[in-house]
C-alpha atoms as a PDB file:
ATOM      1  CA  MET A   1     227.220 -17.565  53.899  1.00  0.00           C
ATOM      2  CA  LEU A   2     226.960 -16.894  58.179  1.00  0.00           C
ATOM      3  CA  LYS A   3     223.267 -17.050  58.832  1.00  0.00           C
ATOM      4  CA  GLU A   4     221.883 -18.120  61.916  1.00  0.00           C
ATOM      5  CA  LYS A   5     225.634 -18.825  63.470  1.00  0.00           C
ATOM      6  CA  VAL A   6     226.194 -16.791  66.239  1.00  0.00           C
ATOM      7  CA  ALA A   7     230.230 -15.414  66.484  1.00  0.00           C
ATOM      8  CA  LEU A   8     232.377 -14.407  69.671  1.00  0.00           C
ATOM      9  CA  VAL A   9     235.360 -11.429  68.695  1.00  0.00           C
ATOM     10  CA  THR A  10     237.393 -11.088  71.141  1.00  0.00           C
ATOM     11  CA  GLY A  11     238.819  -7.335  70.787  1.00  0.00           C
ATOM     12  CA  ALA A  12     235.695  -5.770  68.716  1.00  0.00           C
ATOM     13  CA  SER A  13     236.040  -3.295  69.582  1.00  0.00           C
ATOM     14  CA  ARG A  14     238.592  -1.552  66.757  1.00  0.00           C
ATOM     15  CA  GLY A  15     240.734  -2.498  64.495  1.00  0.00           C
ATOM     16  CA  ILE A  16     241.364  -5.373  62.587  1.00  0.00           C
ATOM     17  CA  GLY A  17     238.725  -7.066  65.407  1.00  0.00           C
ATOM     18  CA  ARG A  18     236.126  -4.253  64.679  1.00  0.00           C
ATOM     19  CA  GLU A  19     236.513  -5.437  61.295  1.00  0.00           C
ATOM     20  CA  ILE A  20     235.971  -8.794  61.458  1.00  0.00           C
ATOM     21  CA  ALA A  21     233.082  -8.409  63.659  1.00  0.00           C
ATOM     22  CA  LEU A  22     231.444  -6.159  61.260  1.00  0.00           C
ATOM     23  CA  THR A  23     232.424  -8.734  58.379  1.00  0.00           C
ATOM     24  CA  LEU A  24     230.929 -11.140  59.815  1.00  0.00           C
ATOM     25  CA  ALA A  25     228.234  -9.548  60.555  1.00  0.00           C
ATOM     26  CA  SER A  26     227.652  -8.947  56.803  1.00  0.00           C
ATOM     27  CA  TYR A  27     227.427 -12.537  55.956  1.00  0.00           C
ATOM     28  CA  GLY A  28     224.757 -12.602  58.380  1.00  0.00           C
ATOM     29  CA  ALA A  29     225.995 -13.780  61.633  1.00  0.00           C
ATOM     30  CA  THR A  30     224.897 -12.762  64.869  1.00  0.00           C
ATOM     31  CA  ILE A  31     227.914 -11.001  66.523  1.00  0.00           C
ATOM     32  CA  VAL A  32     228.731 -10.989  70.447  1.00  0.00           C
ATOM     33  CA  ILE A  33     232.041  -8.270  70.796  1.00  0.00           C
ATOM     34  CA  ASN A  34     233.933  -8.303  73.065  1.00  0.00           C
ATOM     35  CA  TYR A  35     235.555  -5.450  74.266  1.00  0.00           C
ATOM     36  CA  ASN A  36     237.146  -5.099  77.749  1.00  0.00           C
ATOM     37  CA  GLY A  37     238.425  -1.176  78.405  1.00  0.00           C
ATOM     38  CA  SER A  38     237.020   0.373  75.704  1.00  0.00           C
ATOM     39  CA  LYS A  39     233.422   0.712  75.459  1.00  0.00           C
ATOM     40  CA  GLU A  40     232.679   4.098  73.251  1.00  0.00           C
ATOM     41  CA  LYS A  41     234.142   2.386  70.912  1.00  0.00           C
ATOM     42  CA  ALA A  42     232.434  -1.248  70.428  1.00  0.00           C
ATOM     43  CA  GLU A  43     229.352   0.734  71.484  1.00  0.00           C
ATOM     44  CA  GLU A  44     229.566   1.783  67.827  1.00  0.00           C
ATOM     45  CA  VAL A  45     230.589  -1.075  66.625  1.00  0.00           C
ATOM     46  CA  TYR A  46     227.540  -2.446  67.972  1.00  0.00           C
ATOM     47  CA  ASP A  47     225.297   0.394  66.855  1.00  0.00           C
ATOM     48  CA  LYS A  48     226.846   0.228  63.096  1.00  0.00           C
ATOM     49  CA  ILE A  49     225.787  -3.709  62.942  1.00  0.00           C
ATOM     50  CA  THR A  50     222.752  -2.644  64.700  1.00  0.00           C
ATOM     51  CA  ASN A  51     221.757  -0.535  61.950  1.00  0.00           C
ATOM     52  CA  ASN A  52     222.491  -2.436  59.083  1.00  0.00           C
ATOM     53  CA  ASN A  53     220.309  -4.764  60.622  1.00  0.00           C
ATOM     54  CA  GLY A  54     222.648  -6.716  61.879  1.00  0.00           C
ATOM     55  CA  LYS A  55     222.662  -8.650  65.336  1.00  0.00           C
ATOM     56  CA  ALA A  56     224.738  -8.116  67.941  1.00  0.00           C
ATOM     57  CA  ARG A  57     225.177  -7.804  72.043  1.00  0.00           C
ATOM     58  CA  LEU A  58     228.047  -6.594  73.344  1.00  0.00           C
ATOM     59  CA  TYR A  59     229.852  -7.464  76.135  1.00  0.00           C
ATOM     60  CA  LYS A  60     232.562  -6.697  78.749  1.00  0.00           C
ATOM     61  CA  ALA A  61     234.767  -9.554  80.064  1.00  0.00           C
ATOM     62  CA  ASP A  62     239.218  -8.944  80.123  1.00  0.00           C
ATOM     63  CA  VAL A  63     240.403 -12.240  77.785  1.00  0.00           C
ATOM     64  CA  SER A  64     243.391 -12.671  80.366  1.00  0.00           C
ATOM     65  CA  ASP A  65     241.017 -13.394  83.027  1.00  0.00           C
ATOM     66  CA  PHE A  66     240.763 -17.481  82.947  1.00  0.00           C
ATOM     67  CA  GLU A  67     236.350 -17.127  85.213  1.00  0.00           C
ATOM     68  CA  ALA A  68     236.119 -14.145  83.603  1.00  0.00           C
ATOM     69  CA  VAL A  69     236.330 -15.982  80.208  1.00  0.00           C
ATOM     70  CA  LYS A  70     234.168 -18.977  81.510  1.00  0.00           C
ATOM     71  CA  GLN A  71     231.069 -17.018  82.414  1.00  0.00           C
ATOM     72  CA  MET A  72     231.225 -15.268  78.847  1.00  0.00           C
ATOM     73  CA  VAL A  73     230.821 -18.379  77.471  1.00  0.00           C
ATOM     74  CA  SER A  74     228.254 -19.785  79.739  1.00  0.00           C
ATOM     75  CA  ASP A  75     226.214 -16.214  79.589  1.00  0.00           C
ATOM     76  CA  ILE A  76     226.529 -17.057  75.291  1.00  0.00           C
ATOM     77  CA  LYS A  77     225.335 -20.527  76.171  1.00  0.00           C
ATOM     78  CA  ASP A  78     221.897 -18.989  77.923  1.00  0.00           C
ATOM     79  CA  GLU A  79     221.094 -16.682  75.545  1.00  0.00           C
ATOM     80  CA  PHE A  80     221.792 -17.598  72.129  1.00  0.00           C
ATOM     81  CA  GLY A  81     222.134 -21.847  73.576  1.00  0.00           C
ATOM     82  CA  ARG A  82     225.272 -21.923  70.707  1.00  0.00           C
ATOM     83  CA  LEU A  83     228.317 -21.138  69.756  1.00  0.00           C
ATOM     84  CA  ASP A  84     229.819 -21.452  66.650  1.00  0.00           C
ATOM     85  CA  ILE A  85     232.355 -19.655  65.559  1.00  0.00           C
ATOM     86  CA  LEU A  86     235.293 -18.014  67.975  1.00  0.00           C
ATOM     87  CA  VAL A  87     237.522 -15.827  66.434  1.00  0.00           C
ATOM     88  CA  ASN A  88     240.829 -14.123  68.647  1.00  0.00           C
ATOM     89  CA  ASN A  89     241.638 -11.611  68.474  1.00  0.00           C
ATOM     90  CA  ALA A  90     242.525  -9.820  71.256  1.00  0.00           C
ATOM     91  CA  GLY A  91     246.083  -8.278  71.469  1.00  0.00           C
ATOM     92  CA  ILE A  92     248.381  -5.985  72.768  1.00  0.00           C
ATOM     93  CA  THR A  93     251.745  -4.601  72.170  1.00  0.00           C
ATOM     94  CA  LYS A  94     254.272  -3.455  74.269  1.00  0.00           C
ATOM     95  CA  ASP A  95     257.639  -3.508  72.415  1.00  0.00           C
ATOM     96  CA  ASN A  96     261.360  -3.099  73.554  1.00  0.00           C
ATOM     97  CA  LEU A  97     263.882  -4.376  73.108  1.00  0.00           C
ATOM     98  CA  ILE A  98     265.219  -7.103  75.004  1.00  0.00           C
ATOM     99  CA  LEU A  99     267.566  -4.722  77.429  1.00  0.00           C
ATOM    100  CA  ARG A 100     265.466  -3.132  77.764  1.00  0.00           C
ATOM    101  CA  MET A 101     262.089  -5.395  78.611  1.00  0.00           C
ATOM    102  CA  SER A 102     260.361  -5.503  81.954  1.00  0.00           C
ATOM    103  CA  GLU A 103     258.950  -8.373  83.398  1.00  0.00           C
ATOM    104  CA  GLU A 104     255.663  -6.326  83.371  1.00  0.00           C
ATOM    105  CA  GLU A 105     256.202  -5.932  79.496  1.00  0.00           C
ATOM    106  CA  PHE A 106     257.261  -9.571  79.061  1.00  0.00           C
ATOM    107  CA  ASP A 107     254.093 -10.565  81.082  1.00  0.00           C
ATOM    108  CA  LYS A 108     251.174  -8.581  79.704  1.00  0.00           C
ATOM    109  CA  VAL A 109     251.387  -9.472  76.801  1.00  0.00           C
ATOM    110  CA  ILE A 110     251.696 -13.045  77.504  1.00  0.00           C
ATOM    111  CA  ASP A 111     248.931 -13.132  79.397  1.00  0.00           C
ATOM    112  CA  ILE A 112     246.189 -10.993  76.556  1.00  0.00           C
ATOM    113  CA  ASN A 113     247.842 -12.387  73.456  1.00  0.00           C
ATOM    114  CA  LEU A 114     248.942 -16.280  74.612  1.00  0.00           C
ATOM    115  CA  LYS A 115     247.107 -17.149  77.909  1.00  0.00           C
ATOM    116  CA  GLY A 116     243.861 -14.663  77.013  1.00  0.00           C
ATOM    117  CA  THR A 117     243.093 -17.326  74.003  1.00  0.00           C
ATOM    118  CA  PHE A 118     243.963 -20.489  75.507  1.00  0.00           C
ATOM    119  CA  ASN A 119     241.762 -18.958  77.581  1.00  0.00           C
ATOM    120  CA  CYS A 120     239.097 -18.636  74.949  1.00  0.00           C
ATOM    121  CA  LEU A 121     239.789 -22.178  73.154  1.00  0.00           C
ATOM    122  CA  ARG A 122     239.616 -24.439  77.093  1.00  0.00           C
ATOM    123  CA  HIS A 123     235.767 -22.828  77.945  1.00  0.00           C
ATOM    124  CA  VAL A 124     234.252 -23.101  73.447  1.00  0.00           C
ATOM    125  CA  SER A 125     235.627 -26.317  73.038  1.00  0.00           C
ATOM    126  CA  PRO A 126     233.669 -28.188  75.201  1.00  0.00           C
ATOM    127  CA  LEU A 127     230.713 -26.409  73.666  1.00  0.00           C
ATOM    128  CA  MET A 128     231.351 -26.428  69.935  1.00  0.00           C
ATOM    129  CA  LEU A 129     232.441 -30.260  71.011  1.00  0.00           C
ATOM    130  CA  LYS A 130     229.049 -31.204  71.683  1.00  0.00           C
ATOM    131  CA  GLN A 131     227.893 -29.238  69.130  1.00  0.00           C
ATOM    132  CA  ARG A 132     230.264 -31.237  66.568  1.00  0.00           C
ATOM    133  CA  TYR A 133     230.464 -28.487  64.861  1.00  0.00           C
ATOM    134  CA  GLY A 134     232.744 -25.004  65.084  1.00  0.00           C
ATOM    135  CA  ARG A 135     234.651 -22.619  63.751  1.00  0.00           C
ATOM    136  CA  ILE A 136     238.102 -21.371  65.054  1.00  0.00           C
ATOM    137  CA  ILE A 137     240.347 -18.243  63.839  1.00  0.00           C
ATOM    138  CA  ASN A 138     243.191 -17.071  65.714  1.00  0.00           C
ATOM    139  CA  ILE A 139     244.545 -14.036  64.623  1.00  0.00           C
ATOM    140  CA  SER A 140     249.109 -14.519  65.285  1.00  0.00           C
ATOM    141  CA  SER A 141     250.664 -12.182  63.149  1.00  0.00           C
ATOM    142  CA  ILE A 142     253.410 -12.955  60.430  1.00  0.00           C
ATOM    143  CA  VAL A 143     256.171 -11.586  63.597  1.00  0.00           C
ATOM    144  CA  GLY A 144     254.922 -15.053  64.606  1.00  0.00           C
ATOM    145  CA  ILE A 145     256.675 -16.976  62.082  1.00  0.00           C
ATOM    146  CA  HIS A 146     259.413 -14.410  61.342  1.00  0.00           C
ATOM    147  CA  GLY A 147     259.944 -12.517  64.829  1.00  0.00           C
ATOM    148  CA  ASN A 148     261.077  -8.779  64.463  1.00  0.00           C
ATOM    149  CA  THR A 149     263.335  -6.731  66.718  1.00  0.00           C
ATOM    150  CA  GLY A 150     262.271  -4.923  69.703  1.00  0.00           C
ATOM    151  CA  GLN A 151     259.377  -6.949  69.791  1.00  0.00           C
ATOM    152  CA  LEU A 152     260.536 -10.356  71.247  1.00  0.00           C
ATOM    153  CA  ASN A 153     257.428 -11.071  73.658  1.00  0.00           C
ATOM    154  CA  TYR A 154     254.808 -10.194  70.865  1.00  0.00           C
ATOM    155  CA  SER A 155     256.904 -13.261  68.424  1.00  0.00           C
ATOM    156  CA  ALA A 156     256.254 -14.980  71.338  1.00  0.00           C
ATOM    157  CA  SER A 157     252.870 -14.463  71.380  1.00  0.00           C
ATOM    158  CA  LYS A 158     251.702 -14.950  68.526  1.00  0.00           C
ATOM    159  CA  ALA A 159     254.030 -17.717  67.562  1.00  0.00           C
ATOM    160  CA  GLY A 160     252.258 -19.485  70.749  1.00  0.00           C
ATOM    161  CA  VAL A 161     248.801 -19.242  69.218  1.00  0.00           C
ATOM    162  CA  ILE A 162     250.075 -20.576  65.919  1.00  0.00           C
ATOM    163  CA  GLY A 163     251.093 -23.525  68.714  1.00  0.00           C
ATOM    164  CA  MET A 164     248.454 -24.078  69.554  1.00  0.00           C
ATOM    165  CA  THR A 165     246.301 -23.411  66.661  1.00  0.00           C
ATOM    166  CA  LYS A 166     248.214 -26.985  64.668  1.00  0.00           C
ATOM    167  CA  SER A 167     247.598 -28.749  68.464  1.00  0.00           C
ATOM    168  CA  LEU A 168     243.528 -28.081  68.461  1.00  0.00           C
ATOM    169  CA  ALA A 169     243.424 -28.771  65.190  1.00  0.00           C
ATOM    170  CA  LYS A 170     244.545 -32.005  65.814  1.00  0.00           C
ATOM    171  CA  GLU A 171     241.916 -32.438  68.765  1.00  0.00           C
ATOM    172  CA  LEU A 172     238.656 -31.278  67.614  1.00  0.00           C
ATOM    173  CA  GLY A 173     239.291 -32.335  63.440  1.00  0.00           C
ATOM    174  CA  SER A 174     237.096 -35.375  64.047  1.00  0.00           C
ATOM    175  CA  ARG A 175     234.058 -34.413  65.688  1.00  0.00           C
ATOM    176  CA  GLY A 176     233.561 -30.947  62.640  1.00  0.00           C
ATOM    177  CA  ILE A 177     235.313 -28.384  64.546  1.00  0.00           C
ATOM    178  CA  THR A 178     237.922 -26.506  62.799  1.00  0.00           C
ATOM    179  CA  VAL A 179     241.052 -23.855  63.844  1.00  0.00           C
ATOM    180  CA  ASN A 180     243.269 -22.360  62.024  1.00  0.00           C
ATOM    181  CA  ALA A 181     245.338 -19.046  61.890  1.00  0.00           C
ATOM    182  CA  VAL A 182     245.646 -16.123  60.984  1.00  0.00           C
ATOM    183  CA  ALA A 183     248.995 -13.951  61.085  1.00  0.00           C
ATOM    184  CA  PRO A 184     248.574 -10.623  59.134  1.00  0.00           C
ATOM    185  CA  GLY A 185     251.516  -8.468  58.251  1.00  0.00           C
ATOM    186  CA  TYR A 186     252.007  -4.598  58.002  1.00  0.00           C
ATOM    187  CA  ILE A 187     248.023  -3.274  57.687  1.00  0.00           C
ATOM    188  CA  ASN A 188     246.605  -0.173  58.132  1.00  0.00           C
ATOM    189  CA  THR A 189     245.448   0.515  61.850  1.00  0.00           C
ATOM    190  CA  ASP A 190     245.976   2.871  65.064  1.00  0.00           C
ATOM    191  CA  MET A 191     248.840   0.379  65.133  1.00  0.00           C
ATOM    192  CA  THR A 192     250.441   0.930  61.884  1.00  0.00           C
ATOM    193  CA  GLU A 193     249.418   5.195  61.650  1.00  0.00           C
ATOM    194  CA  GLY A 194     252.075   6.168  64.158  1.00  0.00           C
ATOM    195  CA  LEU A 195     254.999   4.806  62.113  1.00  0.00           C
ATOM    196  CA  LYS A 196     256.942   7.561  59.995  1.00  0.00           C
ATOM    197  CA  GLU A 197     256.863   8.096  56.739  1.00  0.00           C
ATOM    198  CA  GLN A 198     260.633   7.362  55.752  1.00  0.00           C
ATOM    199  CA  TRP A 199     259.809   3.750  57.673  1.00  0.00           C
ATOM    200  CA  LYS A 200     256.489   3.189  56.010  1.00  0.00           C
ATOM    201  CA  ASP A 201     258.160   3.463  52.542  1.00  0.00           C
ATOM    202  CA  LEU A 202     261.268   0.996  54.028  1.00  0.00           C
ATOM    203  CA  ILE A 203     259.054  -1.121  54.208  1.00  0.00           C
ATOM    204  CA  LYS A 204     256.908  -0.706  51.288  1.00  0.00           C
ATOM    205  CA  GLU A 205     259.528  -1.794  49.113  1.00  0.00           C
ATOM    206  CA  GLN A 206     260.106  -5.021  51.679  1.00  0.00           C
ATOM    207  CA  ILE A 207     256.780  -6.022  50.191  1.00  0.00           C
ATOM    208  CA  PRO A 208     256.365  -7.564  46.637  1.00  0.00           C
ATOM    209  CA  LEU A 209     252.656  -5.458  46.885  1.00  0.00           C
ATOM    210  CA  LYS A 210     254.096  -2.492  47.864  1.00  0.00           C
ATOM    211  CA  ARG A 211     251.422  -1.405  49.700  1.00  0.00           C
ATOM    212  CA  PHE A 212     250.051  -2.381  53.916  1.00  0.00           C
ATOM    213  CA  GLY A 213     246.742  -3.848  53.748  1.00  0.00           C
ATOM    214  CA  GLU A 214     243.645  -3.077  54.943  1.00  0.00           C
ATOM    215  CA  THR A 215     241.508  -3.824  57.090  1.00  0.00           C
ATOM    216  CA  THR A 216     238.787  -5.687  54.940  1.00  0.00           C
ATOM    217  CA  ASP A 217     241.601  -7.585  53.852  1.00  0.00           C
ATOM    218  CA  VAL A 218     242.287 -10.102  56.917  1.00  0.00           C
ATOM    219  CA  ALA A 219     238.277  -9.339  57.978  1.00  0.00           C
ATOM    220  CA  GLN A 220     237.372 -11.423  54.230  1.00  0.00           C
ATOM    221  CA  THR A 221     239.802 -14.032  54.900  1.00  0.00           C
ATOM    222  CA  VAL A 222     238.784 -14.603  58.885  1.00  0.00           C
ATOM    223  CA  ALA A 223     234.707 -14.913  56.534  1.00  0.00           C
ATOM    224  CA  PHE A 224     236.229 -17.227  54.137  1.00  0.00           C
ATOM    225  CA  LEU A 225     237.189 -19.298  57.502  1.00  0.00           C
ATOM    226  CA  ALA A 226     234.586 -19.315  59.173  1.00  0.00           C
ATOM    227  CA  SER A 227     232.021 -20.493  56.578  1.00  0.00           C
ATOM    228  CA  ASP A 228     232.099 -23.740  55.279  1.00  0.00           C
ATOM    229  CA  TYR A 229     233.550 -23.104  52.586  1.00  0.00           C
ATOM    230  CA  SER A 230     236.865 -23.385  54.038  1.00  0.00           C
ATOM    231  CA  SER A 231     235.751 -26.664  55.318  1.00  0.00           C
ATOM    232  CA  TYR A 232     238.447 -28.837  54.906  1.00  0.00           C
ATOM    233  CA  ILE A 233     241.666 -26.471  56.080  1.00  0.00           C
ATOM    234  CA  THR A 234     242.270 -27.473  59.305  1.00  0.00           C
ATOM    235  CA  GLY A 235     245.992 -26.137  61.110  1.00  0.00           C
ATOM    236  CA  GLN A 236     246.860 -23.998  59.390  1.00  0.00           C
ATOM    237  CA  THR A 237     248.661 -20.103  59.347  1.00  0.00           C
ATOM    238  CA  ILE A 238     247.868 -17.701  56.629  1.00  0.00           C
ATOM    239  CA  GLN A 239     249.900 -14.959  56.184  1.00  0.00           C
ATOM    240  CA  VAL A 240     247.716 -11.882  55.261  1.00  0.00           C
ATOM    241  CA  ASP A 241     251.413  -9.863  54.522  1.00  0.00           C
ATOM    242  CA  GLY A 242     250.938  -8.612  51.038  1.00  0.00           C
ATOM    243  CA  GLY A 243     253.540 -11.439  50.209  1.00  0.00           C
ATOM    244  CA  LEU A 244     256.497 -10.166  52.186  1.00  0.00           C
ATOM    245  CA  GLY A 245     257.245 -13.230  54.573  1.00  0.00           C
ATOM    246  CA  ILE A 246     258.025 -14.902  51.084  1.00  0.00           C
END
């Protein structure tokens, strides 16, 4: 489905990003595994892909650094000659109520989640425009649609990602480039593992499917959007949330 395609997945060393990288590789794509602080975890993803006869490359870069992202995209172009798929997954949380949230907590989340996405879009777009082909998938969140107590910074960043998705879809659509967002709900990752069981049970009661999702649920949705099966879908936000957002 993705044979001969080159994909950059940011924040691919763990959680949803890891599963996206593995899934795209399983469909034949060559994966550029972007990471910043989790080198060992990124190497595990690389080993898993290559041990299954897949193709991958590790690349350390802070997505919030404009010049670092510019260099990363340039290096990908030099090595592979093209970049077909961009998955903007890198993100962090620094939750706090507004009365306690520091400027640093707000700025850090915006810098990585929102500006980091912009940096990748800014440097990848010219390459895809020249190719007259591209698939861009931005990982947002249901929090960016509905908001959540204690996550004002995260909500703002993920809502901004949806806004950029819609705008860029209009800018790039005439060149055969689609731009979509995926908004996961509660997914079984390290981030949700720390929740108390009582709190998990309360959340599940609000989800029509009565369970948390798996990283594969998100990754398979991304794979569809990265493929030519989704060639007439752009500017959309797909909620992978078990119906929580209904």
